[in-house]
Structure formats: structure tokens, C-alpha cells
Amino acid sequence: MSMQLLLTTIFLAVLPISELRGAIPYAYFNGTSLLVASLIGTLANLLVAPLAHLFLTYFHQFFYKHWPFYKRVFDSTIIRVQTRMSAKIQKYGLLGVLLFVGIPLPVTGAWTGTLGAWLLGLKKRHLYLAVSGGVIMASIIITTLLFIGSGVGSIFIKTV
């Protein structure tokens, strides 16, 4: 795996839009074995919850008060996240966060899950556990779908 491929895979895994849905297929279809692509994507995506929580805890208030553009974007995002997540989290708690992050659909990754859990006041430890469990679940789903679509040998060797 080239350094450029590795860095691009990590970048895609921590990017809010693509996350694992973009990172694992990107690495795999660019010559990385499915196992390595899944491990790199998952490990990088596991960094999202601590990074997002750190930002929300320490930098959010400053940006919210001093940057009108940030405030508008954050407020519109909050409404979307609360609409999509609050009923699930109220009903299912930590399992709701895990499932929300773990089912790899658009706008249901670690970034949104961390934001939703933070907004609802989940403790940091619980937030990390639920989001990390969801990341692992999403990784298994994506890897399994690629595995089924590519054949048994794809887990260890990228076949052309």
C-alpha cells in the first residue's frame, strides 16, 4: 500500500461525508486487500468520536459566539440531527446511538452519532462506547458486502 493510498484512506475514513462507506471501498478497489482496507478504515474512523467530542467540548462555544456562519451551519445541523436521532436515543439509549452509527446509511456515521449523543448529554465514556461499537458494526457490514460481491479470496488478496 502506497503512502498516498494510506493517507487518502485515512482521510476518507475521518471525513464526515464518506467515513467507512468511502474509505474501505476506496482502499479495496485501489489494490488493498479487504482485510487491510477494513482495518485501516475502521481504526481511522474510531478516531472520530474523540476528535468530535474534543471539538464540541472545548472549541464549539468560541466558534458559536464569534462566527455567525458557524452558528447558522451548526443550528441547521442540530435540527436535522435532533429530528433523526432523538426518538431513537430516547427509546433505545446507547443501543440507539450504536445502531444509528452502525447502519451505514447516508448521514448516519460517527460524526453525526457523536454530535447527537453529545447534544443529548450522554457521558463521554458511554458516547465513546456506543459510537465505537457502531463504527465496528458499520465496518463489518461494509466489509461483508464487499466480500460477498468480490468473492472469498478478496479478504486476503486483491484479485484483478
C-alpha atoms as a PDB file:
ATOM      1  CA  MET A   1       0.000   0.000   0.000  1.00  0.00           C
ATOM      2  CA  SER A   2       1.489   3.327  -1.040  1.00  0.00           C
ATOM      3  CA  MET A   3       1.700   6.231   1.375  1.00  0.00           C
ATOM      4  CA  GLN A   4      -0.724   8.233  -0.784  1.00  0.00           C
ATOM      5  CA  LEU A   5      -3.280   5.403  -0.750  1.00  0.00           C
ATOM      6  CA  LEU A   6      -2.893   5.012   3.016  1.00  0.00           C
ATOM      7  CA  LEU A   7      -3.316   8.732   3.703  1.00  0.00           C
ATOM      8  CA  THR A   8      -6.281   9.039   1.340  1.00  0.00           C
ATOM      9  CA  THR A   9      -7.964   6.055   3.005  1.00  0.00           C
ATOM     10  CA  ILE A  10      -7.427   7.583   6.456  1.00  0.00           C
ATOM     11  CA  PHE A  11      -8.675  10.966   5.218  1.00  0.00           C
ATOM     12  CA  LEU A  12     -11.830   9.391   3.771  1.00  0.00           C
ATOM     13  CA  ALA A  13     -12.429   7.465   6.999  1.00  0.00           C
ATOM     14  CA  VAL A  14     -12.385  10.613   9.132  1.00  0.00           C
ATOM     15  CA  LEU A  15     -14.216  12.823   6.621  1.00  0.00           C
ATOM     16  CA  PRO A  16     -17.836  13.379   7.769  1.00  0.00           C
ATOM     17  CA  ILE A  17     -19.450  12.547   4.426  1.00  0.00           C
ATOM     18  CA  SER A  18     -17.596   9.406   3.380  1.00  0.00           C
ATOM     19  CA  GLU A  19     -16.379   7.779   6.602  1.00  0.00           C
ATOM     20  CA  LEU A  20     -16.231   3.973   6.266  1.00  0.00           C
ATOM     21  CA  ARG A  21     -18.646   3.915   3.330  1.00  0.00           C
ATOM     22  CA  GLY A  22     -15.976   5.668   1.289  1.00  0.00           C
ATOM     23  CA  ALA A  23     -12.703   4.588   2.904  1.00  0.00           C
ATOM     24  CA  ILE A  24     -12.991   0.801   2.784  1.00  0.00           C
ATOM     25  CA  PRO A  25     -14.213   0.534  -0.839  1.00  0.00           C
ATOM     26  CA  TYR A  26     -11.665   3.152  -1.944  1.00  0.00           C
ATOM     27  CA  ALA A  27      -8.726   1.243  -0.466  1.00  0.00           C
ATOM     28  CA  TYR A  28     -10.043  -2.098  -1.661  1.00  0.00           C
ATOM     29  CA  PHE A  29     -10.717  -1.001  -5.240  1.00  0.00           C
ATOM     30  CA  ASN A  30      -7.277   0.597  -5.385  1.00  0.00           C
ATOM     31  CA  GLY A  31      -5.458  -2.668  -4.707  1.00  0.00           C
ATOM     32  CA  THR A  32      -5.518  -3.151  -0.945  1.00  0.00           C
ATOM     33  CA  SER A  33      -6.739  -6.446   0.461  1.00  0.00           C
ATOM     34  CA  LEU A  34     -10.196  -6.262   2.006  1.00  0.00           C
ATOM     35  CA  LEU A  35      -8.848  -7.169   5.435  1.00  0.00           C
ATOM     36  CA  VAL A  36      -6.238  -4.373   5.408  1.00  0.00           C
ATOM     37  CA  ALA A  37      -8.693  -1.869   3.910  1.00  0.00           C
ATOM     38  CA  SER A  38     -11.209  -2.686   6.627  1.00  0.00           C
ATOM     39  CA  LEU A  39      -8.665  -2.464   9.447  1.00  0.00           C
ATOM     40  CA  ILE A  40      -7.214   0.869   8.301  1.00  0.00           C
ATOM     41  CA  GLY A  41     -10.627   2.397   7.650  1.00  0.00           C
ATOM     42  CA  THR A  42     -12.017   1.193  10.971  1.00  0.00           C
ATOM     43  CA  LEU A  43      -9.037   2.334  13.046  1.00  0.00           C
ATOM     44  CA  ALA A  44      -9.105   5.770  11.432  1.00  0.00           C
ATOM     45  CA  ASN A  45     -12.888   6.093  11.848  1.00  0.00           C
ATOM     46  CA  LEU A  46     -12.588   5.169  15.535  1.00  0.00           C
ATOM     47  CA  LEU A  47     -10.703   8.451  15.981  1.00  0.00           C
ATOM     48  CA  VAL A  48     -13.782  10.473  15.017  1.00  0.00           C
ATOM     49  CA  ALA A  49     -15.634  10.231  18.348  1.00  0.00           C
ATOM     50  CA  PRO A  50     -12.737  11.533  20.475  1.00  0.00           C
ATOM     51  CA  LEU A  51     -11.903  14.249  17.919  1.00  0.00           C
ATOM     52  CA  ALA A  52     -15.505  15.391  17.543  1.00  0.00           C
ATOM     53  CA  HIS A  53     -16.107  15.285  21.292  1.00  0.00           C
ATOM     54  CA  LEU A  54     -12.918  17.272  21.926  1.00  0.00           C
ATOM     55  CA  PHE A  55     -14.028  19.908  19.424  1.00  0.00           C
ATOM     56  CA  LEU A  56     -17.573  20.091  20.802  1.00  0.00           C
ATOM     57  CA  THR A  57     -16.364  20.296  24.393  1.00  0.00           C
ATOM     58  CA  TYR A  58     -13.586  22.859  24.022  1.00  0.00           C
ATOM     59  CA  PHE A  59     -13.942  24.831  20.781  1.00  0.00           C
ATOM     60  CA  HIS A  60     -17.648  24.867  19.968  1.00  0.00           C
ATOM     61  CA  GLN A  61     -18.622  27.691  22.343  1.00  0.00           C
ATOM     62  CA  PHE A  62     -15.968  30.031  20.989  1.00  0.00           C
ATOM     63  CA  PHE A  63     -16.900  29.431  17.339  1.00  0.00           C
ATOM     64  CA  TYR A  64     -20.609  29.624  18.115  1.00  0.00           C
ATOM     65  CA  LYS A  65     -20.256  33.031  19.769  1.00  0.00           C
ATOM     66  CA  HIS A  66     -17.796  34.602  17.322  1.00  0.00           C
ATOM     67  CA  TRP A  67     -18.558  33.150  13.879  1.00  0.00           C
ATOM     68  CA  PRO A  68     -22.090  33.779  12.554  1.00  0.00           C
ATOM     69  CA  PHE A  69     -21.554  31.336   9.657  1.00  0.00           C
ATOM     70  CA  TYR A  70     -20.602  28.558  12.087  1.00  0.00           C
ATOM     71  CA  LYS A  71     -23.664  29.333  14.212  1.00  0.00           C
ATOM     72  CA  ARG A  72     -26.012  29.083  11.188  1.00  0.00           C
ATOM     73  CA  VAL A  73     -24.489  25.808   9.971  1.00  0.00           C
ATOM     74  CA  PHE A  74     -24.410  24.325  13.469  1.00  0.00           C
ATOM     75  CA  ASP A  75     -28.017  25.293  14.208  1.00  0.00           C
ATOM     76  CA  SER A  76     -29.308  23.815  10.941  1.00  0.00           C
ATOM     77  CA  THR A  77     -27.290  20.643  11.574  1.00  0.00           C
ATOM     78  CA  ILE A  78     -28.637  20.384  15.119  1.00  0.00           C
ATOM     79  CA  ILE A  79     -32.227  20.495  13.931  1.00  0.00           C
ATOM     80  CA  ARG A  80     -31.526  17.692  11.437  1.00  0.00           C
ATOM     81  CA  VAL A  81     -29.662  15.558  13.969  1.00  0.00           C
ATOM     82  CA  GLN A  82     -32.254  16.034  16.693  1.00  0.00           C
ATOM     83  CA  THR A  83     -35.046  15.172  14.275  1.00  0.00           C
ATOM     84  CA  ARG A  84     -33.329  11.994  13.118  1.00  0.00           C
ATOM     85  CA  MET A  85     -31.875  10.785  16.410  1.00  0.00           C
ATOM     86  CA  SER A  86     -33.804  11.976  19.441  1.00  0.00           C
ATOM     87  CA  ALA A  87     -36.674   9.488  19.272  1.00  0.00           C
ATOM     88  CA  LYS A  88     -34.284   6.566  18.727  1.00  0.00           C
ATOM     89  CA  ILE A  89     -31.950   7.600  21.528  1.00  0.00           C
ATOM     90  CA  GLN A  90     -34.809   8.313  23.918  1.00  0.00           C
ATOM     91  CA  LYS A  91     -36.297   4.908  23.164  1.00  0.00           C
ATOM     92  CA  TYR A  92     -33.144   2.804  22.869  1.00  0.00           C
ATOM     93  CA  GLY A  93     -30.468   4.823  24.723  1.00  0.00           C
ATOM     94  CA  LEU A  94     -26.910   3.769  23.982  1.00  0.00           C
ATOM     95  CA  LEU A  95     -28.159   0.990  21.734  1.00  0.00           C
ATOM     96  CA  GLY A  96     -29.884   3.680  19.659  1.00  0.00           C
ATOM     97  CA  VAL A  97     -26.583   5.526  19.150  1.00  0.00           C
ATOM     98  CA  LEU A  98     -24.821   2.256  18.310  1.00  0.00           C
ATOM     99  CA  LEU A  99     -27.463   1.330  15.722  1.00  0.00           C
ATOM    100  CA  PHE A 100     -27.591   4.843  14.294  1.00  0.00           C
ATOM    101  CA  VAL A 101     -23.833   4.831  13.706  1.00  0.00           C
ATOM    102  CA  GLY A 102     -23.657   1.138  12.830  1.00  0.00           C
ATOM    103  CA  ILE A 103     -26.115   1.038   9.967  1.00  0.00           C
ATOM    104  CA  PRO A 104     -24.120   2.534   7.075  1.00  0.00           C
ATOM    105  CA  LEU A 105     -26.638   4.892   5.520  1.00  0.00           C
ATOM    106  CA  PRO A 106     -26.070   8.478   4.386  1.00  0.00           C
ATOM    107  CA  VAL A 107     -25.593  10.867   7.330  1.00  0.00           C
ATOM    108  CA  THR A 108     -25.509   8.092   9.947  1.00  0.00           C
ATOM    109  CA  GLY A 109     -21.827   7.819  10.783  1.00  0.00           C
ATOM    110  CA  ALA A 110     -19.561   8.514  13.719  1.00  0.00           C
ATOM    111  CA  TRP A 111     -19.678  12.316  13.284  1.00  0.00           C
ATOM    112  CA  THR A 112     -23.463  12.540  13.442  1.00  0.00           C
ATOM    113  CA  GLY A 113     -23.673   9.909  16.165  1.00  0.00           C
ATOM    114  CA  THR A 114     -21.148  11.764  18.319  1.00  0.00           C
ATOM    115  CA  LEU A 115     -22.936  15.057  17.774  1.00  0.00           C
ATOM    116  CA  GLY A 116     -26.313  13.534  18.630  1.00  0.00           C
ATOM    117  CA  ALA A 117     -25.016  11.785  21.740  1.00  0.00           C
ATOM    118  CA  TRP A 118     -23.263  14.987  22.852  1.00  0.00           C
ATOM    119  CA  LEU A 119     -26.428  17.051  22.334  1.00  0.00           C
ATOM    120  CA  LEU A 120     -28.437  14.611  24.387  1.00  0.00           C
ATOM    121  CA  GLY A 121     -25.894  14.796  27.195  1.00  0.00           C
ATOM    122  CA  LEU A 122     -24.532  11.263  27.169  1.00  0.00           C
ATOM    123  CA  LYS A 123     -21.471  10.768  29.332  1.00  0.00           C
ATOM    124  CA  LYS A 124     -18.177  10.765  27.452  1.00  0.00           C
ATOM    125  CA  ARG A 125     -17.466   7.127  28.265  1.00  0.00           C
ATOM    126  CA  HIS A 126     -20.899   5.980  27.088  1.00  0.00           C
ATOM    127  CA  LEU A 127     -20.658   8.138  23.982  1.00  0.00           C
ATOM    128  CA  TYR A 128     -17.289   6.595  23.043  1.00  0.00           C
ATOM    129  CA  LEU A 129     -18.524   3.047  23.651  1.00  0.00           C
ATOM    130  CA  ALA A 130     -21.712   3.474  21.629  1.00  0.00           C
ATOM    131  CA  VAL A 131     -20.056   5.265  18.699  1.00  0.00           C
ATOM    132  CA  SER A 132     -17.108   2.852  18.648  1.00  0.00           C
ATOM    133  CA  GLY A 133     -19.470  -0.125  18.677  1.00  0.00           C
ATOM    134  CA  GLY A 134     -21.376   1.457  15.799  1.00  0.00           C
ATOM    135  CA  VAL A 135     -18.166   2.042  13.826  1.00  0.00           C
ATOM    136  CA  ILE A 136     -17.200  -1.601  14.250  1.00  0.00           C
ATOM    137  CA  MET A 137     -20.699  -2.707  13.238  1.00  0.00           C
ATOM    138  CA  ALA A 138     -20.635  -0.493  10.124  1.00  0.00           C
ATOM    139  CA  SER A 139     -17.192  -1.800   9.233  1.00  0.00           C
ATOM    140  CA  ILE A 140     -18.389  -5.392   9.465  1.00  0.00           C
ATOM    141  CA  ILE A 141     -21.425  -4.626   7.279  1.00  0.00           C
ATOM    142  CA  ILE A 142     -19.412  -2.798   4.603  1.00  0.00           C
ATOM    143  CA  THR A 143     -16.652  -5.405   4.600  1.00  0.00           C
ATOM    144  CA  THR A 144     -19.199  -8.221   4.372  1.00  0.00           C
ATOM    145  CA  LEU A 145     -20.958  -6.576   1.431  1.00  0.00           C
ATOM    146  CA  LEU A 146     -17.656  -6.123  -0.393  1.00  0.00           C
ATOM    147  CA  PHE A 147     -16.666  -9.687   0.495  1.00  0.00           C
ATOM    148  CA  ILE A 148     -19.910 -11.123  -0.883  1.00  0.00           C
ATOM    149  CA  GLY A 149     -19.603  -9.022  -4.007  1.00  0.00           C
ATOM    150  CA  SER A 150     -15.960  -9.875  -4.627  1.00  0.00           C
ATOM    151  CA  GLY A 151     -15.560 -13.478  -3.533  1.00  0.00           C
ATOM    152  CA  VAL A 152     -13.778 -15.334  -0.761  1.00  0.00           C
ATOM    153  CA  GLY A 153     -10.196 -14.590  -1.858  1.00  0.00           C
ATOM    154  CA  SER A 154     -10.758 -10.849  -1.602  1.00  0.00           C
ATOM    155  CA  ILE A 155     -10.373 -10.789   2.159  1.00  0.00           C
ATOM    156  CA  PHE A 156      -6.629 -11.507   1.952  1.00  0.00           C
ATOM    157  CA  ILE A 157      -5.643 -10.703  -1.616  1.00  0.00           C
ATOM    158  CA  LYS A 158      -6.962  -8.152  -4.047  1.00  0.00           C
ATOM    159  CA  THR A 159      -7.661 -10.062  -7.249  1.00  0.00           C
ATOM    160  CA  VAL A 160      -7.815  -8.195 -10.515  1.00  0.00           C
END
